[in-house]
């Protein structure tokens, strides 16, 4: 273990799993209130790429989005 420069616990963790997938944790991003609307937003942007972010925000609010506007704008801007 010392030759690998790994702690004993790290070696035990990797030795205990049968498949590498067991070491992968959770989603790539934290779940947000925007998640239920992501597919709609992506499709809407694919159809009309120049649609304003605030327009999309209004549309998903009409569909039931109740989260904060700044968070939604950040998510929409990131894609």
PDB file of N, CA and C in Angstrom:
ATOM      1  N   UNK A   1       0.823  -1.191   0.000  1.00  0.00           N
ATOM      2  CA  UNK A   1       0.000   0.000   0.000  1.00  0.00           C
ATOM      3  C   UNK A   1       0.866   1.253   0.000  1.00  0.00           C
ATOM      4  N   UNK A   2       1.891   1.245   0.759  1.00  0.00           N
ATOM      5  CA  UNK A   2       2.741   2.432   0.834  1.00  0.00           C
ATOM      6  C   UNK A   2       3.479   2.668  -0.474  1.00  0.00           C
ATOM      7  N   UNK A   3       3.752   1.600  -1.208  1.00  0.00           N
ATOM      8  CA  UNK A   3       4.421   1.768  -2.491  1.00  0.00           C
ATOM      9  C   UNK A   3       3.500   2.463  -3.492  1.00  0.00           C
ATOM     10  N   UNK A   4       2.217   2.304  -3.310  1.00  0.00           N
ATOM     11  CA  UNK A   4       1.248   2.959  -4.186  1.00  0.00           C
ATOM     12  C   UNK A   4       0.931   4.381  -3.737  1.00  0.00           C
ATOM     13  N   UNK A   5       1.393   4.744  -2.562  1.00  0.00           N
ATOM     14  CA  UNK A   5       1.112   6.052  -1.964  1.00  0.00           C
ATOM     15  C   UNK A   5      -0.392   6.266  -1.781  1.00  0.00           C
ATOM     16  N   UNK A   6      -1.083   5.206  -1.369  1.00  0.00           N
ATOM     17  CA  UNK A   6      -2.507   5.258  -1.082  1.00  0.00           C
ATOM     18  C   UNK A   6      -2.744   4.861   0.364  1.00  0.00           C
ATOM     19  N   UNK A   7      -3.780   5.422   0.945  1.00  0.00           N
ATOM     20  CA  UNK A   7      -4.093   5.046   2.319  1.00  0.00           C
ATOM     21  C   UNK A   7      -4.704   3.649   2.345  1.00  0.00           C
ATOM     22  N   UNK A   8      -4.657   3.030   3.468  1.00  0.00           N
ATOM     23  CA  UNK A   8      -5.213   1.687   3.641  1.00  0.00           C
ATOM     24  C   UNK A   8      -6.714   1.675   3.325  1.00  0.00           C
ATOM     25  N   UNK A   9      -7.424   2.713   3.758  1.00  0.00           N
ATOM     26  CA  UNK A   9      -8.865   2.778   3.513  1.00  0.00           C
ATOM     27  C   UNK A   9      -9.194   2.903   2.023  1.00  0.00           C
ATOM     28  N   UNK A  10      -8.383   3.630   1.291  1.00  0.00           N
ATOM     29  CA  UNK A  10      -8.600   3.751  -0.151  1.00  0.00           C
ATOM     30  C   UNK A  10      -8.431   2.404  -0.828  1.00  0.00           C
ATOM     31  N   UNK A  11      -7.412   1.675  -0.461  1.00  0.00           N
ATOM     32  CA  UNK A  11      -7.176   0.347  -1.035  1.00  0.00           C
ATOM     33  C   UNK A  11      -8.335  -0.584  -0.695  1.00  0.00           C
ATOM     34  N   UNK A  12      -8.815  -0.537   0.536  1.00  0.00           N
ATOM     35  CA  UNK A  12      -9.948  -1.379   0.942  1.00  0.00           C
ATOM     36  C   UNK A  12     -11.197  -1.041   0.133  1.00  0.00           C
ATOM     37  N   UNK A  13     -11.429   0.245  -0.079  1.00  0.00           N
ATOM     38  CA  UNK A  13     -12.613   0.675  -0.820  1.00  0.00           C
ATOM     39  C   UNK A  13     -12.593   0.120  -2.244  1.00  0.00           C
ATOM     40  N   UNK A  14     -11.463   0.233  -2.918  1.00  0.00           N
ATOM     41  CA  UNK A  14     -11.369  -0.251  -4.292  1.00  0.00           C
ATOM     42  C   UNK A  14     -11.361  -1.774  -4.356  1.00  0.00           C
ATOM     43  N   UNK A  15     -10.816  -2.418  -3.371  1.00  0.00           N
ATOM     44  CA  UNK A  15     -10.781  -3.881  -3.352  1.00  0.00           C
ATOM     45  C   UNK A  15     -12.163  -4.470  -3.069  1.00  0.00           C
ATOM     46  N   UNK A  16     -13.014  -3.719  -2.397  1.00  0.00           N
ATOM     47  CA  UNK A  16     -14.318  -4.235  -1.986  1.00  0.00           C
ATOM     48  C   UNK A  16     -15.363  -4.232  -3.105  1.00  0.00           C
ATOM     49  N   UNK A  17     -15.176  -3.419  -4.144  1.00  0.00           N
ATOM     50  CA  UNK A  17     -16.190  -3.339  -5.202  1.00  0.00           C
ATOM     51  C   UNK A  17     -15.909  -4.348  -6.306  1.00  0.00           C
ATOM     52  N   UNK A  18     -16.986  -4.846  -6.902  1.00  0.00           N
ATOM     53  CA  UNK A  18     -16.841  -5.803  -7.997  1.00  0.00           C
ATOM     54  C   UNK A  18     -16.811  -5.099  -9.348  1.00  0.00           C
ATOM     55  N   UNK A  19     -17.479  -3.950  -9.442  1.00  0.00           N
ATOM     56  CA  UNK A  19     -17.560  -3.211 -10.697  1.00  0.00           C
ATOM     57  C   UNK A  19     -17.217  -1.747 -10.442  1.00  0.00           C
ATOM     58  N   UNK A  20     -16.555  -1.123 -11.386  1.00  0.00           N
ATOM     59  CA  UNK A  20     -16.148   0.275 -11.238  1.00  0.00           C
ATOM     60  C   UNK A  20     -17.348   1.212 -11.076  1.00  0.00           C
ATOM     61  N   UNK A  21     -18.507   0.837 -11.640  1.00  0.00           N
ATOM     62  CA  UNK A  21     -19.692   1.683 -11.547  1.00  0.00           C
ATOM     63  C   UNK A  21     -20.128   1.912 -10.098  1.00  0.00           C
ATOM     64  N   UNK A  22     -19.757   1.009  -9.219  1.00  0.00           N
ATOM     65  CA  UNK A  22     -20.134   1.145  -7.810  1.00  0.00           C
ATOM     66  C   UNK A  22     -19.407   2.308  -7.139  1.00  0.00           C
ATOM     67  N   UNK A  23     -18.363   2.804  -7.758  1.00  0.00           N
ATOM     68  CA  UNK A  23     -17.607   3.908  -7.179  1.00  0.00           C
ATOM     69  C   UNK A  23     -18.133   5.271  -7.631  1.00  0.00           C
ATOM     70  N   UNK A  24     -19.042   5.271  -8.606  1.00  0.00           N
ATOM     71  CA  UNK A  24     -19.578   6.517  -9.132  1.00  0.00           C
ATOM     72  C   UNK A  24     -20.704   6.993  -8.218  1.00  0.00           C
ATOM     73  N   UNK A  25     -20.674   8.278  -7.899  1.00  0.00           N
ATOM     74  CA  UNK A  25     -21.651   8.849  -6.977  1.00  0.00           C
ATOM     75  C   UNK A  25     -22.596   9.800  -7.692  1.00  0.00           C
ATOM     76  N   UNK A  26     -23.869   9.711  -7.419  1.00  0.00           N
ATOM     77  CA  UNK A  26     -24.900  10.671  -7.770  1.00  0.00           C
ATOM     78  C   UNK A  26     -24.858  11.320  -9.142  1.00  0.00           C
ATOM     79  N   UNK A  27     -25.787  12.256  -9.373  1.00  0.00           N
ATOM     80  CA  UNK A  27     -25.846  12.963 -10.650  1.00  0.00           C
ATOM     81  C   UNK A  27     -24.706  13.959 -10.786  1.00  0.00           C
ATOM     82  N   UNK A  28     -24.457  14.414 -12.005  1.00  0.00           N
ATOM     83  CA  UNK A  28     -23.379  15.362 -12.262  1.00  0.00           C
ATOM     84  C   UNK A  28     -23.689  16.737 -11.691  1.00  0.00           C
ATOM     85  N   UNK A  29     -24.953  17.043 -11.557  1.00  0.00           N
ATOM     86  CA  UNK A  29     -25.350  18.317 -10.987  1.00  0.00           C
ATOM     87  C   UNK A  29     -26.403  18.061  -9.909  1.00  0.00           C
ATOM     88  N   UNK A  30     -26.483  18.963  -8.980  1.00  0.00           N
ATOM     89  CA  UNK A  30     -27.479  18.814  -7.917  1.00  0.00           C
ATOM     90  C   UNK A  30     -28.873  19.023  -8.505  1.00  0.00           C
ATOM     91  N   UNK A  31     -29.840  18.325  -7.982  1.00  0.00           N
ATOM     92  CA  UNK A  31     -31.198  18.502  -8.481  1.00  0.00           C
ATOM     93  C   UNK A  31     -31.718  19.882  -8.088  1.00  0.00           C
ATOM     94  N   UNK A  32     -32.462  20.479  -8.989  1.00  0.00           N
ATOM     95  CA  UNK A  32     -33.007  21.813  -8.756  1.00  0.00           C
ATOM     96  C   UNK A  32     -34.493  21.816  -9.087  1.00  0.00           C
ATOM     97  N   UNK A  33     -35.141  22.910  -8.796  1.00  0.00           N
ATOM     98  CA  UNK A  33     -36.559  23.052  -9.113  1.00  0.00           C
ATOM     99  C   UNK A  33     -36.795  23.159 -10.619  1.00  0.00           C
ATOM    100  N   UNK A  34     -35.747  23.461 -11.371  1.00  0.00           N
ATOM    101  CA  UNK A  34     -35.859  23.598 -12.823  1.00  0.00           C
ATOM    102  C   UNK A  34     -35.855  22.228 -13.510  1.00  0.00           C
ATOM    103  N   UNK A  35     -35.335  21.210 -12.857  1.00  0.00           N
ATOM    104  CA  UNK A  35     -35.174  19.884 -13.471  1.00  0.00           C
ATOM    105  C   UNK A  35     -36.424  19.344 -14.168  1.00  0.00           C
ATOM    106  N   UNK A  36     -37.612  19.445 -13.586  1.00  0.00           N
ATOM    107  CA  UNK A  36     -38.790  18.914 -14.284  1.00  0.00           C
ATOM    108  C   UNK A  36     -39.075  19.617 -15.618  1.00  0.00           C
ATOM    109  N   UNK A  37     -38.493  20.787 -15.820  1.00  0.00           N
ATOM    110  CA  UNK A  37     -38.758  21.575 -17.023  1.00  0.00           C
ATOM    111  C   UNK A  37     -37.596  21.558 -18.015  1.00  0.00           C
ATOM    112  N   UNK A  38     -36.506  20.871 -17.693  1.00  0.00           N
ATOM    113  CA  UNK A  38     -35.313  20.873 -18.554  1.00  0.00           C
ATOM    114  C   UNK A  38     -35.592  20.383 -19.969  1.00  0.00           C
ATOM    115  N   UNK A  39     -36.315  19.291 -20.110  1.00  0.00           N
ATOM    116  CA  UNK A  39     -36.604  18.767 -21.449  1.00  0.00           C
ATOM    117  C   UNK A  39     -37.393  19.784 -22.271  1.00  0.00           C
ATOM    118  N   UNK A  40     -38.395  20.377 -21.651  1.00  0.00           N
ATOM    119  CA  UNK A  40     -39.184  21.398 -22.350  1.00  0.00           C
ATOM    120  C   UNK A  40     -38.293  22.560 -22.782  1.00  0.00           C
ATOM    121  N   UNK A  41     -37.445  23.028 -21.879  1.00  0.00           N
ATOM    122  CA  UNK A  41     -36.586  24.173 -22.178  1.00  0.00           C
ATOM    123  C   UNK A  41     -35.608  23.855 -23.306  1.00  0.00           C
ATOM    124  N   UNK A  42     -35.048  22.659 -23.297  1.00  0.00           N
ATOM    125  CA  UNK A  42     -34.116  22.266 -24.367  1.00  0.00           C
ATOM    126  C   UNK A  42     -34.830  22.198 -25.719  1.00  0.00           C
ATOM    127  N   UNK A  43     -36.020  21.599 -25.727  1.00  0.00           N
ATOM    128  CA  UNK A  43     -36.787  21.511 -26.978  1.00  0.00           C
ATOM    129  C   UNK A  43     -37.163  22.906 -27.479  1.00  0.00           C
ATOM    130  N   UNK A  44     -37.561  23.754 -26.555  1.00  0.00           N
ATOM    131  CA  UNK A  44     -37.967  25.125 -26.920  1.00  0.00           C
ATOM    132  C   UNK A  44     -36.797  25.899 -27.500  1.00  0.00           C
ATOM    133  N   UNK A  45     -35.619  25.748 -26.908  1.00  0.00           N
ATOM    134  CA  UNK A  45     -34.423  26.416 -27.420  1.00  0.00           C
ATOM    135  C   UNK A  45     -33.988  25.830 -28.763  1.00  0.00           C
ATOM    136  N   UNK A  46     -34.221  24.537 -28.972  1.00  0.00           N
ATOM    137  CA  UNK A  46     -33.865  23.916 -30.250  1.00  0.00           C
ATOM    138  C   UNK A  46     -34.737  24.472 -31.375  1.00  0.00           C
ATOM    139  N   UNK A  47     -36.008  24.706 -31.076  1.00  0.00           N
ATOM    140  CA  UNK A  47     -36.939  25.232 -32.075  1.00  0.00           C
ATOM    141  C   UNK A  47     -36.664  26.708 -32.347  1.00  0.00           C
ATOM    142  N   UNK A  48     -36.429  27.469 -31.288  1.00  0.00           N
ATOM    143  CA  UNK A  48     -36.216  28.913 -31.409  1.00  0.00           C
ATOM    144  C   UNK A  48     -35.013  29.321 -30.547  1.00  0.00           C
ATOM    145  N   UNK A  49     -33.797  29.215 -31.094  1.00  0.00           N
ATOM    146  CA  UNK A  49     -32.584  29.486 -30.309  1.00  0.00           C
ATOM    147  C   UNK A  49     -32.487  30.911 -29.764  1.00  0.00           C
ATOM    148  N   UNK A  50     -33.139  31.860 -30.426  1.00  0.00           N
ATOM    149  CA  UNK A  50     -33.011  33.252 -30.002  1.00  0.00           C
ATOM    150  C   UNK A  50     -34.053  33.677 -28.970  1.00  0.00           C
ATOM    151  N   UNK A  51     -34.866  32.733 -28.493  1.00  0.00           N
ATOM    152  CA  UNK A  51     -35.899  33.087 -27.518  1.00  0.00           C
ATOM    153  C   UNK A  51     -35.237  33.619 -26.242  1.00  0.00           C
ATOM    154  N   UNK A  52     -35.809  34.682 -25.709  1.00  0.00           N
ATOM    155  CA  UNK A  52     -35.241  35.324 -24.520  1.00  0.00           C
ATOM    156  C   UNK A  52     -35.416  34.443 -23.284  1.00  0.00           C
ATOM    157  N   UNK A  53     -34.438  34.508 -22.421  1.00  0.00           N
ATOM    158  CA  UNK A  53     -34.470  33.735 -21.183  1.00  0.00           C
ATOM    159  C   UNK A  53     -35.688  34.102 -20.342  1.00  0.00           C
ATOM    160  N   UNK A  54     -36.004  35.384 -20.291  1.00  0.00           N
ATOM    161  CA  UNK A  54     -37.145  35.823 -19.485  1.00  0.00           C
ATOM    162  C   UNK A  54     -38.463  35.312 -20.060  1.00  0.00           C
ATOM    163  N   UNK A  55     -38.517  35.121 -21.378  1.00  0.00           N
ATOM    164  CA  UNK A  55     -39.709  34.542 -22.005  1.00  0.00           C
ATOM    165  C   UNK A  55     -39.874  33.098 -21.556  1.00  0.00           C
ATOM    166  N   UNK A  56     -38.766  32.355 -21.585  1.00  0.00           N
ATOM    167  CA  UNK A  56     -38.803  30.959 -21.135  1.00  0.00           C
ATOM    168  C   UNK A  56     -39.195  30.869 -19.665  1.00  0.00           C
ATOM    169  N   UNK A  57     -38.679  31.782 -18.872  1.00  0.00           N
ATOM    170  CA  UNK A  57     -39.025  31.801 -17.449  1.00  0.00           C
ATOM    171  C   UNK A  57     -40.533  31.992 -17.277  1.00  0.00           C
ATOM    172  N   UNK A  58     -41.110  32.910 -18.034  1.00  0.00           N
ATOM    173  CA  UNK A  58     -42.555  33.126 -17.966  1.00  0.00           C
ATOM    174  C   UNK A  58     -43.340  31.891 -18.377  1.00  0.00           C
ATOM    175  N   UNK A  59     -42.836  31.189 -19.395  1.00  0.00           N
ATOM    176  CA  UNK A  59     -43.526  29.985 -19.868  1.00  0.00           C
ATOM    177  C   UNK A  59     -43.516  28.877 -18.822  1.00  0.00           C
ATOM    178  N   UNK A  60     -42.360  28.648 -18.191  1.00  0.00           N
ATOM    179  CA  UNK A  60     -42.325  27.559 -17.206  1.00  0.00           C
ATOM    180  C   UNK A  60     -43.028  27.952 -15.910  1.00  0.00           C
ATOM    181  N   UNK A  61     -43.083  29.253 -15.618  1.00  0.00           N
ATOM    182  CA  UNK A  61     -43.875  29.683 -14.455  1.00  0.00           C
ATOM    183  C   UNK A  61     -45.347  29.381 -14.696  1.00  0.00           C
ATOM    184  N   UNK A  62     -45.799  29.570 -15.937  1.00  0.00           N
ATOM    185  CA  UNK A  62     -47.187  29.247 -16.278  1.00  0.00           C
ATOM    186  C   UNK A  62     -47.434  27.740 -16.192  1.00  0.00           C
ATOM    187  N   UNK A  63     -46.369  26.958 -16.341  1.00  0.00           N
ATOM    188  CA  UNK A  63     -46.477  25.498 -16.264  1.00  0.00           C
ATOM    189  C   UNK A  63     -46.345  24.987 -14.829  1.00  0.00           C
ATOM    190  N   UNK A  64     -46.021  25.899 -13.881  1.00  0.00           N
ATOM    191  CA  UNK A  64     -45.962  25.485 -12.484  1.00  0.00           C
ATOM    192  C   UNK A  64     -44.633  25.683 -11.784  1.00  0.00           C
ATOM    193  N   UNK A  65     -43.615  26.228 -12.464  1.00  0.00           N
ATOM    194  CA  UNK A  65     -42.331  26.485 -11.805  1.00  0.00           C
ATOM    195  C   UNK A  65     -42.529  27.522 -10.711  1.00  0.00           C
ATOM    196  N   UNK A  66     -42.025  27.220  -9.504  1.00  0.00           N
ATOM    197  CA  UNK A  66     -42.205  28.132  -8.379  1.00  0.00           C
ATOM    198  C   UNK A  66     -40.888  28.553  -7.743  1.00  0.00           C
ATOM    199  N   UNK A  67     -39.796  28.236  -8.381  1.00  0.00           N
ATOM    200  CA  UNK A  67     -38.489  28.562  -7.825  1.00  0.00           C
ATOM    201  C   UNK A  67     -38.121  30.019  -8.033  1.00  0.00           C
ATOM    202  N   UNK A  68     -36.965  30.407  -7.501  1.00  0.00           N
ATOM    203  CA  UNK A  68     -36.507  31.790  -7.639  1.00  0.00           C
ATOM    204  C   UNK A  68     -36.073  32.098  -9.074  1.00  0.00           C
ATOM    205  N   UNK A  69     -36.359  33.295  -9.526  1.00  0.00           N
ATOM    206  CA  UNK A  69     -36.019  33.691 -10.893  1.00  0.00           C
ATOM    207  C   UNK A  69     -34.516  33.672 -11.171  1.00  0.00           C
ATOM    208  N   UNK A  70     -33.660  34.218 -10.293  1.00  0.00           N
ATOM    209  CA  UNK A  70     -32.224  34.210 -10.594  1.00  0.00           C
ATOM    210  C   UNK A  70     -31.660  32.802 -10.805  1.00  0.00           C
ATOM    211  N   UNK A  71     -32.084  31.843 -10.024  1.00  0.00           N
ATOM    212  CA  UNK A  71     -31.603  30.467 -10.169  1.00  0.00           C
ATOM    213  C   UNK A  71     -32.005  29.921 -11.531  1.00  0.00           C
ATOM    214  N   UNK A  72     -33.227  30.184 -11.931  1.00  0.00           N
ATOM    215  CA  UNK A  72     -33.719  29.705 -13.216  1.00  0.00           C
ATOM    216  C   UNK A  72     -32.946  30.358 -14.356  1.00  0.00           C
ATOM    217  N   UNK A  73     -32.702  31.645 -14.255  1.00  0.00           N
ATOM    218  CA  UNK A  73     -31.960  32.355 -15.296  1.00  0.00           C
ATOM    219  C   UNK A  73     -30.551  31.784 -15.412  1.00  0.00           C
ATOM    220  N   UNK A  74     -29.907  31.500 -14.299  1.00  0.00           N
ATOM    221  CA  UNK A  74     -28.570  30.892 -14.322  1.00  0.00           C
ATOM    222  C   UNK A  74     -28.605  29.544 -15.019  1.00  0.00           C
ATOM    223  N   UNK A  75     -29.605  28.740 -14.717  1.00  0.00           N
ATOM    224  CA  UNK A  75     -29.735  27.415 -15.319  1.00  0.00           C
ATOM    225  C   UNK A  75     -29.974  27.527 -16.813  1.00  0.00           C
ATOM    226  N   UNK A  76     -30.841  28.441 -17.211  1.00  0.00           N
ATOM    227  CA  UNK A  76     -31.138  28.622 -18.630  1.00  0.00           C
ATOM    228  C   UNK A  76     -29.923  29.137 -19.390  1.00  0.00           C
ATOM    229  N   UNK A  77     -29.173  30.017 -18.776  1.00  0.00           N
ATOM    230  CA  UNK A  77     -27.988  30.561 -19.426  1.00  0.00           C
ATOM    231  C   UNK A  77     -26.913  29.499 -19.602  1.00  0.00           C
ATOM    232  N   UNK A  78     -26.833  28.580 -18.644  1.00  0.00           N
ATOM    233  CA  UNK A  78     -25.825  27.519 -18.707  1.00  0.00           C
ATOM    234  C   UNK A  78     -26.199  26.450 -19.725  1.00  0.00           C
ATOM    235  N   UNK A  79     -27.462  26.347 -20.060  1.00  0.00           N
ATOM    236  CA  UNK A  79     -27.891  25.337 -21.040  1.00  0.00           C
ATOM    237  C   UNK A  79     -28.512  24.228 -20.341  1.00  0.00           C
TER     238      UNK A  79
END
